[in-house]
Amino acid sequence: MSIVQPVASPQLPKLTQRQREICDFIRQRDREGQTPSVREIGQHFGIKSPNGVMCHLRALAKKGAIAHRPFKARSTRATVRGMIYRGEVR
C-alpha cells in the first residue's frame, strides 16, 4: 500500500506516519461502506488499549483530518482536509 504524501500547505499541520496510516484505514473502510470501530482500528494497528486509539483519533480530529461524533458508534469519517492530506483533493 503506497502512502500519498500530504500537500504542502501552511494551513495544514503535518500528520505523523501512524496518523496517515490510520486516516488511510478509516478512509478505505468508509469507501467499503462502514467505518471501523475503535476496537477494529486497535486490532488492525496492534494498539491494545482503546484509549490509545482514541488518542490517535483526537489528534487526527484536532488536525482536521477526521470528524468524530462522541458517543456515536462508527461515526469517524475522513474530512475534506483528510482527503487533502492524502492528495485526493488539491
PDB file of N, CA and C in Angstrom:
ATOM      1  N   MET A   1       0.845  -1.171   0.000  1.00  0.00           N
ATOM      2  CA  MET A   1       0.000   0.000   0.000  1.00  0.00           C
ATOM      3  C   MET A   1       0.889   1.233   0.000  1.00  0.00           C
ATOM      4  N   SER A   2       0.703   2.101  -0.960  1.00  0.00           N
ATOM      5  CA  SER A   2       1.517   3.306  -1.015  1.00  0.00           C
ATOM      6  C   SER A   2       0.830   4.419  -0.245  1.00  0.00           C
ATOM      7  N   ILE A   3       1.619   5.207   0.424  1.00  0.00           N
ATOM      8  CA  ILE A   3       1.117   6.339   1.194  1.00  0.00           C
ATOM      9  C   ILE A   3       1.321   7.593   0.362  1.00  0.00           C
ATOM     10  N   VAL A   4       0.253   8.361   0.170  1.00  0.00           N
ATOM     11  CA  VAL A   4       0.337   9.622  -0.560  1.00  0.00           C
ATOM     12  C   VAL A   4       0.809  10.686   0.416  1.00  0.00           C
ATOM     13  N   GLN A   5       1.806  11.409   0.039  1.00  0.00           N
ATOM     14  CA  GLN A   5       2.320  12.465   0.898  1.00  0.00           C
ATOM     15  C   GLN A   5       1.335  13.625   0.966  1.00  0.00           C
ATOM     16  N   PRO A   6       1.222  14.279   2.125  1.00  0.00           N
ATOM     17  CA  PRO A   6       0.295  15.397   2.235  1.00  0.00           C
ATOM     18  C   PRO A   6       0.716  16.568   1.358  1.00  0.00           C
ATOM     19  N   VAL A   7      -0.253  17.337   0.944  1.00  0.00           N
ATOM     20  CA  VAL A   7       0.004  18.530   0.146  1.00  0.00           C
ATOM     21  C   VAL A   7       0.657  19.567   1.054  1.00  0.00           C
ATOM     22  N   ALA A   8       1.721  20.185   0.596  1.00  0.00           N
ATOM     23  CA  ALA A   8       2.391  21.208   1.394  1.00  0.00           C
ATOM     24  C   ALA A   8       1.512  22.452   1.459  1.00  0.00           C
ATOM     25  N   SER A   9       1.158  22.817   2.680  1.00  0.00           N
ATOM     26  CA  SER A   9       0.333  23.998   2.893  1.00  0.00           C
ATOM     27  C   SER A   9       0.560  24.492   4.310  1.00  0.00           C
ATOM     28  N   PRO A  10       0.709  25.802   4.498  1.00  0.00           N
ATOM     29  CA  PRO A  10       0.941  26.302   5.848  1.00  0.00           C
ATOM     30  C   PRO A  10      -0.283  26.120   6.750  1.00  0.00           C
ATOM     31  N   GLN A  11      -1.486  25.939   6.178  1.00  0.00           N
ATOM     32  CA  GLN A  11      -2.684  25.785   6.991  1.00  0.00           C
ATOM     33  C   GLN A  11      -2.850  24.358   7.520  1.00  0.00           C
ATOM     34  N   LEU A  12      -2.143  23.404   6.957  1.00  0.00           N
ATOM     35  CA  LEU A  12      -2.324  22.016   7.341  1.00  0.00           C
ATOM     36  C   LEU A  12      -1.193  21.554   8.250  1.00  0.00           C
ATOM     37  N   PRO A  13      -1.529  21.233   9.508  1.00  0.00           N
ATOM     38  CA  PRO A  13      -0.487  20.669  10.359  1.00  0.00           C
ATOM     39  C   PRO A  13      -0.096  19.294   9.818  1.00  0.00           C
ATOM     40  N   LYS A  14       1.150  18.921   9.972  1.00  0.00           N
ATOM     41  CA  LYS A  14       1.620  17.653   9.420  1.00  0.00           C
ATOM     42  C   LYS A  14       1.104  16.478  10.237  1.00  0.00           C
ATOM     43  N   LEU A  15       0.794  15.399   9.526  1.00  0.00           N
ATOM     44  CA  LEU A  15       0.413  14.156  10.171  1.00  0.00           C
ATOM     45  C   LEU A  15       1.645  13.287  10.330  1.00  0.00           C
ATOM     46  N   THR A  16       1.685  12.538  11.411  1.00  0.00           N
ATOM     47  CA  THR A  16       2.761  11.564  11.571  1.00  0.00           C
ATOM     48  C   THR A  16       2.485  10.389  10.634  1.00  0.00           C
ATOM     49  N   GLN A  17       3.473   9.540  10.449  1.00  0.00           N
ATOM     50  CA  GLN A  17       3.300   8.360   9.610  1.00  0.00           C
ATOM     51  C   GLN A  17       2.125   7.516  10.118  1.00  0.00           C
ATOM     52  N   ARG A  18       2.068   7.285  11.424  1.00  0.00           N
ATOM     53  CA  ARG A  18       0.993   6.484  12.015  1.00  0.00           C
ATOM     54  C   ARG A  18      -0.364   7.154  11.803  1.00  0.00           C
ATOM     55  N   GLN A  19      -0.435   8.470  11.959  1.00  0.00           N
ATOM     56  CA  GLN A  19      -1.692   9.186  11.738  1.00  0.00           C
ATOM     57  C   GLN A  19      -2.145   9.046  10.289  1.00  0.00           C
ATOM     58  N   ARG A  20      -1.219   9.141   9.349  1.00  0.00           N
ATOM     59  CA  ARG A  20      -1.575   8.946   7.934  1.00  0.00           C
ATOM     60  C   ARG A  20      -2.107   7.538   7.702  1.00  0.00           C
ATOM     61  N   GLU A  21      -1.457   6.559   8.310  1.00  0.00           N
ATOM     62  CA  GLU A  21      -1.900   5.170   8.147  1.00  0.00           C
ATOM     63  C   GLU A  21      -3.304   4.973   8.708  1.00  0.00           C
ATOM     64  N   ILE A  22      -3.575   5.538   9.868  1.00  0.00           N
ATOM     65  CA  ILE A  22      -4.906   5.408  10.475  1.00  0.00           C
ATOM     66  C   ILE A  22      -5.941   6.141   9.637  1.00  0.00           C
ATOM     67  N   CYS A  23      -5.608   7.325   9.156  1.00  0.00           N
ATOM     68  CA  CYS A  23      -6.517   8.089   8.299  1.00  0.00           C
ATOM     69  C   CYS A  23      -6.809   7.314   7.010  1.00  0.00           C
ATOM     70  N   ASP A  24      -5.784   6.716   6.431  1.00  0.00           N
ATOM     71  CA  ASP A  24      -5.964   5.900   5.224  1.00  0.00           C
ATOM     72  C   ASP A  24      -6.889   4.714   5.502  1.00  0.00           C
ATOM     73  N   PHE A  25      -6.686   4.065   6.636  1.00  0.00           N
ATOM     74  CA  PHE A  25      -7.502   2.911   7.004  1.00  0.00           C
ATOM     75  C   PHE A  25      -8.970   3.313   7.176  1.00  0.00           C
ATOM     76  N   ILE A  26      -9.214   4.440   7.845  1.00  0.00           N
ATOM     77  CA  ILE A  26     -10.579   4.921   8.043  1.00  0.00           C
ATOM     78  C   ILE A  26     -11.215   5.234   6.695  1.00  0.00           C
ATOM     79  N   ARG A  27     -10.484   5.901   5.831  1.00  0.00           N
ATOM     80  CA  ARG A  27     -10.995   6.263   4.506  1.00  0.00           C
ATOM     81  C   ARG A  27     -11.306   5.011   3.678  1.00  0.00           C
ATOM     82  N   GLN A  28     -10.402   4.042   3.712  1.00  0.00           N
ATOM     83  CA  GLN A  28     -10.607   2.807   2.958  1.00  0.00           C
ATOM     84  C   GLN A  28     -11.862   2.087   3.444  1.00  0.00           C
ATOM     85  N   ARG A  29     -12.015   1.958   4.751  1.00  0.00           N
ATOM     86  CA  ARG A  29     -13.184   1.258   5.290  1.00  0.00           C
ATOM     87  C   ARG A  29     -14.469   2.029   5.017  1.00  0.00           C
ATOM     88  N   ASP A  30     -14.392   3.370   5.025  1.00  0.00           N
ATOM     89  CA  ASP A  30     -15.558   4.194   4.702  1.00  0.00           C
ATOM     90  C   ASP A  30     -15.997   3.935   3.264  1.00  0.00           C
ATOM     91  N   ARG A  31     -15.037   3.821   2.361  1.00  0.00           N
ATOM     92  CA  ARG A  31     -15.351   3.527   0.956  1.00  0.00           C
ATOM     93  C   ARG A  31     -15.983   2.148   0.792  1.00  0.00           C
ATOM     94  N   GLU A  32     -15.633   1.231   1.672  1.00  0.00           N
ATOM     95  CA  GLU A  32     -16.207  -0.116   1.633  1.00  0.00           C
ATOM     96  C   GLU A  32     -17.612  -0.161   2.217  1.00  0.00           C
ATOM     97  N   GLY A  33     -18.043   0.935   2.838  1.00  0.00           N
ATOM     98  CA  GLY A  33     -19.416   1.008   3.313  1.00  0.00           C
ATOM     99  C   GLY A  33     -19.605   1.176   4.799  1.00  0.00           C
ATOM    100  N   GLN A  34     -18.584   0.933   5.607  1.00  0.00           N
ATOM    101  CA  GLN A  34     -18.739   1.101   7.047  1.00  0.00           C
ATOM    102  C   GLN A  34     -17.398   1.481   7.657  1.00  0.00           C
ATOM    103  N   THR A  35     -17.396   2.566   8.411  1.00  0.00           N
ATOM    104  CA  THR A  35     -16.150   2.986   9.046  1.00  0.00           C
ATOM    105  C   THR A  35     -15.817   2.048  10.194  1.00  0.00           C
ATOM    106  N   PRO A  36     -14.536   1.932  10.532  1.00  0.00           N
ATOM    107  CA  PRO A  36     -14.131   0.990  11.580  1.00  0.00           C
ATOM    108  C   PRO A  36     -14.473   1.496  12.978  1.00  0.00           C
ATOM    109  N   SER A  37     -14.688   0.552  13.862  1.00  0.00           N
ATOM    110  CA  SER A  37     -14.887   0.898  15.268  1.00  0.00           C
ATOM    111  C   SER A  37     -13.517   1.157  15.897  1.00  0.00           C
ATOM    112  N   VAL A  38     -13.529   1.721  17.086  1.00  0.00           N
ATOM    113  CA  VAL A  38     -12.285   1.955  17.821  1.00  0.00           C
ATOM    114  C   VAL A  38     -11.568   0.621  18.024  1.00  0.00           C
ATOM    115  N   ARG A  39     -12.309  -0.402  18.368  1.00  0.00           N
ATOM    116  CA  ARG A  39     -11.720  -1.733  18.585  1.00  0.00           C
ATOM    117  C   ARG A  39     -11.075  -2.271  17.298  1.00  0.00           C
ATOM    118  N   GLU A  40     -11.758  -2.100  16.159  1.00  0.00           N
ATOM    119  CA  GLU A  40     -11.209  -2.585  14.884  1.00  0.00           C
ATOM    120  C   GLU A  40      -9.940  -1.829  14.496  1.00  0.00           C
ATOM    121  N   ILE A  41      -9.910  -0.529  14.747  1.00  0.00           N
ATOM    122  CA  ILE A  41      -8.696   0.251  14.470  1.00  0.00           C
ATOM    123  C   ILE A  41      -7.548  -0.278  15.324  1.00  0.00           C
ATOM    124  N   GLY A  42      -7.833  -0.507  16.604  1.00  0.00           N
ATOM    125  CA  GLY A  42      -6.816  -1.044  17.510  1.00  0.00           C
ATOM    126  C   GLY A  42      -6.294  -2.391  17.060  1.00  0.00           C
ATOM    127  N   GLN A  43      -7.197  -3.285  16.667  1.00  0.00           N
ATOM    128  CA  GLN A  43      -6.780  -4.611  16.211  1.00  0.00           C
ATOM    129  C   GLN A  43      -5.927  -4.523  14.944  1.00  0.00           C
ATOM    130  N   HIS A  44      -6.338  -3.656  14.017  1.00  0.00           N
ATOM    131  CA  HIS A  44      -5.608  -3.529  12.751  1.00  0.00           C
ATOM    132  C   HIS A  44      -4.177  -3.028  12.964  1.00  0.00           C
ATOM    133  N   PHE A  45      -4.014  -2.100  13.920  1.00  0.00           N
ATOM    134  CA  PHE A  45      -2.702  -1.473  14.124  1.00  0.00           C
ATOM    135  C   PHE A  45      -1.949  -2.015  15.336  1.00  0.00           C
ATOM    136  N   GLY A  46      -2.516  -3.025  15.996  1.00  0.00           N
ATOM    137  CA  GLY A  46      -1.833  -3.607  17.151  1.00  0.00           C
ATOM    138  C   GLY A  46      -1.812  -2.696  18.359  1.00  0.00           C
ATOM    139  N   ILE A  47      -2.811  -1.845  18.488  1.00  0.00           N
ATOM    140  CA  ILE A  47      -2.926  -0.955  19.642  1.00  0.00           C
ATOM    141  C   ILE A  47      -3.863  -1.644  20.626  1.00  0.00           C
ATOM    142  N   LYS A  48      -3.348  -2.052  21.775  1.00  0.00           N
ATOM    143  CA  LYS A  48      -4.129  -2.871  22.705  1.00  0.00           C
ATOM    144  C   LYS A  48      -5.177  -2.077  23.477  1.00  0.00           C
ATOM    145  N   SER A  49      -4.918  -0.833  23.752  1.00  0.00           N
ATOM    146  CA  SER A  49      -5.818  -0.036  24.574  1.00  0.00           C
ATOM    147  C   SER A  49      -6.745   0.832  23.713  1.00  0.00           C
ATOM    148  N   PRO A  50      -8.062   0.778  23.974  1.00  0.00           N
ATOM    149  CA  PRO A  50      -8.967   1.687  23.260  1.00  0.00           C
ATOM    150  C   PRO A  50      -8.596   3.157  23.490  1.00  0.00           C
ATOM    151  N   ASN A  51      -8.036   3.448  24.666  1.00  0.00           N
ATOM    152  CA  ASN A  51      -7.611   4.820  24.940  1.00  0.00           C
ATOM    153  C   ASN A  51      -6.471   5.229  24.009  1.00  0.00           C
ATOM    154  N   GLY A  52      -5.592   4.288  23.690  1.00  0.00           N
ATOM    155  CA  GLY A  52      -4.513   4.585  22.746  1.00  0.00           C
ATOM    156  C   GLY A  52      -5.059   4.939  21.372  1.00  0.00           C
ATOM    157  N   VAL A  53      -6.084   4.206  20.937  1.00  0.00           N
ATOM    158  CA  VAL A  53      -6.734   4.517  19.653  1.00  0.00           C
ATOM    159  C   VAL A  53      -7.378   5.889  19.736  1.00  0.00           C
ATOM    160  N   MET A  54      -8.080   6.155  20.832  1.00  0.00           N
ATOM    161  CA  MET A  54      -8.765   7.444  20.982  1.00  0.00           C
ATOM    162  C   MET A  54      -7.776   8.605  20.979  1.00  0.00           C
ATOM    163  N   CYS A  55      -6.589   8.402  21.516  1.00  0.00           N
ATOM    164  CA  CYS A  55      -5.567   9.462  21.474  1.00  0.00           C
ATOM    165  C   CYS A  55      -5.211   9.795  20.020  1.00  0.00           C
ATOM    166  N   HIS A  56      -5.069   8.761  19.192  1.00  0.00           N
ATOM    167  CA  HIS A  56      -4.786   8.986  17.772  1.00  0.00           C
ATOM    168  C   HIS A  56      -5.972   9.684  17.096  1.00  0.00           C
ATOM    169  N   LEU A  57      -7.195   9.248  17.401  1.00  0.00           N
ATOM    170  CA  LEU A  57      -8.374   9.850  16.782  1.00  0.00           C
ATOM    171  C   LEU A  57      -8.536  11.308  17.200  1.00  0.00           C
ATOM    172  N   ARG A  58      -8.282  11.602  18.477  1.00  0.00           N
ATOM    173  CA  ARG A  58      -8.377  13.003  18.933  1.00  0.00           C
ATOM    174  C   ARG A  58      -7.338  13.871  18.222  1.00  0.00           C
ATOM    175  N   ALA A  59      -6.122  13.350  18.056  1.00  0.00           N
ATOM    176  CA  ALA A  59      -5.070  14.112  17.367  1.00  0.00           C
ATOM    177  C   ALA A  59      -5.464  14.358  15.912  1.00  0.00           C
ATOM    178  N   LEU A  60      -6.020  13.337  15.244  1.00  0.00           N
ATOM    179  CA  LEU A  60      -6.460  13.499  13.853  1.00  0.00           C
ATOM    180  C   LEU A  60      -7.607  14.500  13.756  1.00  0.00           C
ATOM    181  N   ALA A  61      -8.530  14.454  14.707  1.00  0.00           N
ATOM    182  CA  ALA A  61      -9.654  15.398  14.703  1.00  0.00           C
ATOM    183  C   ALA A  61      -9.150  16.821  14.949  1.00  0.00           C
ATOM    184  N   LYS A  62      -8.203  16.960  15.864  1.00  0.00           N
ATOM    185  CA  LYS A  62      -7.651  18.287  16.158  1.00  0.00           C
ATOM    186  C   LYS A  62      -6.962  18.888  14.930  1.00  0.00           C
ATOM    187  N   LYS A  63      -6.330  18.033  14.129  1.00  0.00           N
ATOM    188  CA  LYS A  63      -5.664  18.494  12.908  1.00  0.00           C
ATOM    189  C   LYS A  63      -6.633  18.630  11.738  1.00  0.00           C
ATOM    190  N   GLY A  64      -7.884  18.214  11.956  1.00  0.00           N
ATOM    191  CA  GLY A  64      -8.904  18.379  10.919  1.00  0.00           C
ATOM    192  C   GLY A  64      -8.940  17.264   9.886  1.00  0.00           C
ATOM    193  N   ALA A  65      -8.197  16.174  10.112  1.00  0.00           N
ATOM    194  CA  ALA A  65      -8.141  15.087   9.131  1.00  0.00           C
ATOM    195  C   ALA A  65      -9.365  14.183   9.202  1.00  0.00           C
ATOM    196  N   ILE A  66      -9.987  14.105  10.385  1.00  0.00           N
ATOM    197  CA  ILE A  66     -11.196  13.305  10.539  1.00  0.00           C
ATOM    198  C   ILE A  66     -12.227  14.087  11.334  1.00  0.00           C
ATOM    199  N   ALA A  67     -13.450  13.636  11.254  1.00  0.00           N
ATOM    200  CA  ALA A  67     -14.527  14.154  12.100  1.00  0.00           C
ATOM    201  C   ALA A  67     -15.076  12.958  12.867  1.00  0.00           C
ATOM    202  N   HIS A  68     -15.311  13.140  14.156  1.00  0.00           N
ATOM    203  CA  HIS A  68     -15.771  12.045  15.001  1.00  0.00           C
ATOM    204  C   HIS A  68     -16.823  12.579  15.959  1.00  0.00           C
ATOM    205  N   ARG A  69     -17.978  11.932  15.977  1.00  0.00           N
ATOM    206  CA  ARG A  69     -19.023  12.331  16.920  1.00  0.00           C
ATOM    207  C   ARG A  69     -18.915  11.470  18.165  1.00  0.00           C
ATOM    208  N   PRO A  70     -18.667  12.085  19.322  1.00  0.00           N
ATOM    209  CA  PRO A  70     -18.547  11.315  20.561  1.00  0.00           C
ATOM    210  C   PRO A  70     -19.836  10.548  20.861  1.00  0.00           C
ATOM    211  N   PHE A  71     -19.679   9.383  21.451  1.00  0.00           N
ATOM    212  CA  PHE A  71     -20.791   8.533  21.894  1.00  0.00           C
ATOM    213  C   PHE A  71     -21.647   8.020  20.744  1.00  0.00           C
ATOM    214  N   LYS A  72     -21.125   8.054  19.536  1.00  0.00           N
ATOM    215  CA  LYS A  72     -21.841   7.538  18.370  1.00  0.00           C
ATOM    216  C   LYS A  72     -20.957   6.476  17.718  1.00  0.00           C
ATOM    217  N   ALA A  73     -21.478   5.261  17.611  1.00  0.00           N
ATOM    218  CA  ALA A  73     -20.699   4.153  17.056  1.00  0.00           C
ATOM    219  C   ALA A  73     -20.381   4.397  15.581  1.00  0.00           C
ATOM    220  N   ARG A  74     -19.160   4.052  15.197  1.00  0.00           N
ATOM    221  CA  ARG A  74     -18.702   4.115  13.802  1.00  0.00           C
ATOM    222  C   ARG A  74     -18.983   5.471  13.140  1.00  0.00           C
ATOM    223  N   SER A  75     -18.746   6.526  13.884  1.00  0.00           N
ATOM    224  CA  SER A  75     -19.046   7.861  13.356  1.00  0.00           C
ATOM    225  C   SER A  75     -17.814   8.593  12.835  1.00  0.00           C
ATOM    226  N   THR A  76     -16.667   7.941  12.828  1.00  0.00           N
ATOM    227  CA  THR A  76     -15.433   8.575  12.373  1.00  0.00           C
ATOM    228  C   THR A  76     -15.417   8.629  10.850  1.00  0.00           C
ATOM    229  N   ARG A  77     -15.224   9.807  10.303  1.00  0.00           N
ATOM    230  CA  ARG A  77     -15.187   9.999   8.859  1.00  0.00           C
ATOM    231  C   ARG A  77     -13.974  10.855   8.496  1.00  0.00           C
ATOM    232  N   ALA A  78     -13.383  10.556   7.362  1.00  0.00           N
ATOM    233  CA  ALA A  78     -12.313  11.404   6.840  1.00  0.00           C
ATOM    234  C   ALA A  78     -12.956  12.691   6.324  1.00  0.00           C
ATOM    235  N   THR A  79     -12.342  13.802   6.597  1.00  0.00           N
ATOM    236  CA  THR A  79     -12.852  15.096   6.150  1.00  0.00           C
ATOM    237  C   THR A  79     -12.194  15.483   4.831  1.00  0.00           C
ATOM    238  N   VAL A  80     -12.648  16.573   4.269  1.00  0.00           N
ATOM    239  CA  VAL A  80     -12.008  17.086   3.049  1.00  0.00           C
ATOM    240  C   VAL A  80     -10.540  17.372   3.336  1.00  0.00           C
ATOM    241  N   ARG A  81     -10.250  17.902   4.502  1.00  0.00           N
ATOM    242  CA  ARG A  81      -8.853  18.165   4.859  1.00  0.00           C
ATOM    243  C   ARG A  81      -8.077  16.850   4.912  1.00  0.00           C
ATOM    244  N   GLY A  82      -8.713  15.786   5.420  1.00  0.00           N
ATOM    245  CA  GLY A  82      -8.074  14.473   5.441  1.00  0.00           C
ATOM    246  C   GLY A  82      -7.805  13.991   4.028  1.00  0.00           C
ATOM    247  N   MET A  83      -8.705  14.300   3.100  1.00  0.00           N
ATOM    248  CA  MET A  83      -8.503  13.921   1.704  1.00  0.00           C
ATOM    249  C   MET A  83      -7.374  14.742   1.091  1.00  0.00           C
ATOM    250  N   ILE A  84      -7.232  15.987   1.524  1.00  0.00           N
ATOM    251  CA  ILE A  84      -6.121  16.819   1.047  1.00  0.00           C
ATOM    252  C   ILE A  84      -4.804  16.211   1.509  1.00  0.00           C
ATOM    253  N   TYR A  85      -4.765  15.767   2.773  1.00  0.00           N
ATOM    254  CA  TYR A  85      -3.557  15.117   3.298  1.00  0.00           C
ATOM    255  C   TYR A  85      -3.175  13.941   2.413  1.00  0.00           C
ATOM    256  N   ARG A  86      -4.160  13.207   1.949  1.00  0.00           N
ATOM    257  CA  ARG A  86      -3.920  12.009   1.142  1.00  0.00           C
ATOM    258  C   ARG A  86      -3.635  12.360  -0.306  1.00  0.00           C
ATOM    259  N   GLY A  87      -3.844  13.609  -0.720  1.00  0.00           N
ATOM    260  CA  GLY A  87      -3.597  14.005  -2.090  1.00  0.00           C
ATOM    261  C   GLY A  87      -4.792  13.771  -3.000  1.00  0.00           C
ATOM    262  N   GLU A  88      -5.984  13.445  -2.425  1.00  0.00           N
ATOM    263  CA  GLU A  88      -7.172  13.200  -3.230  1.00  0.00           C
ATOM    264  C   GLU A  88      -7.816  14.501  -3.695  1.00  0.00           C
ATOM    265  N   VAL A  89      -7.610  15.581  -2.962  1.00  0.00           N
ATOM    266  CA  VAL A  89      -8.187  16.877  -3.318  1.00  0.00           C
ATOM    267  C   VAL A  89      -7.037  17.879  -3.320  1.00  0.00           C
ATOM    268  N   ARG A  90      -7.028  18.721  -4.293  1.00  0.00           N
ATOM    269  CA  ARG A  90      -5.960  19.745  -4.367  1.00  0.00           C
ATOM    270  C   ARG A  90      -6.573  21.117  -4.290  1.00  0.00           C
TER     271      ARG A  90
END
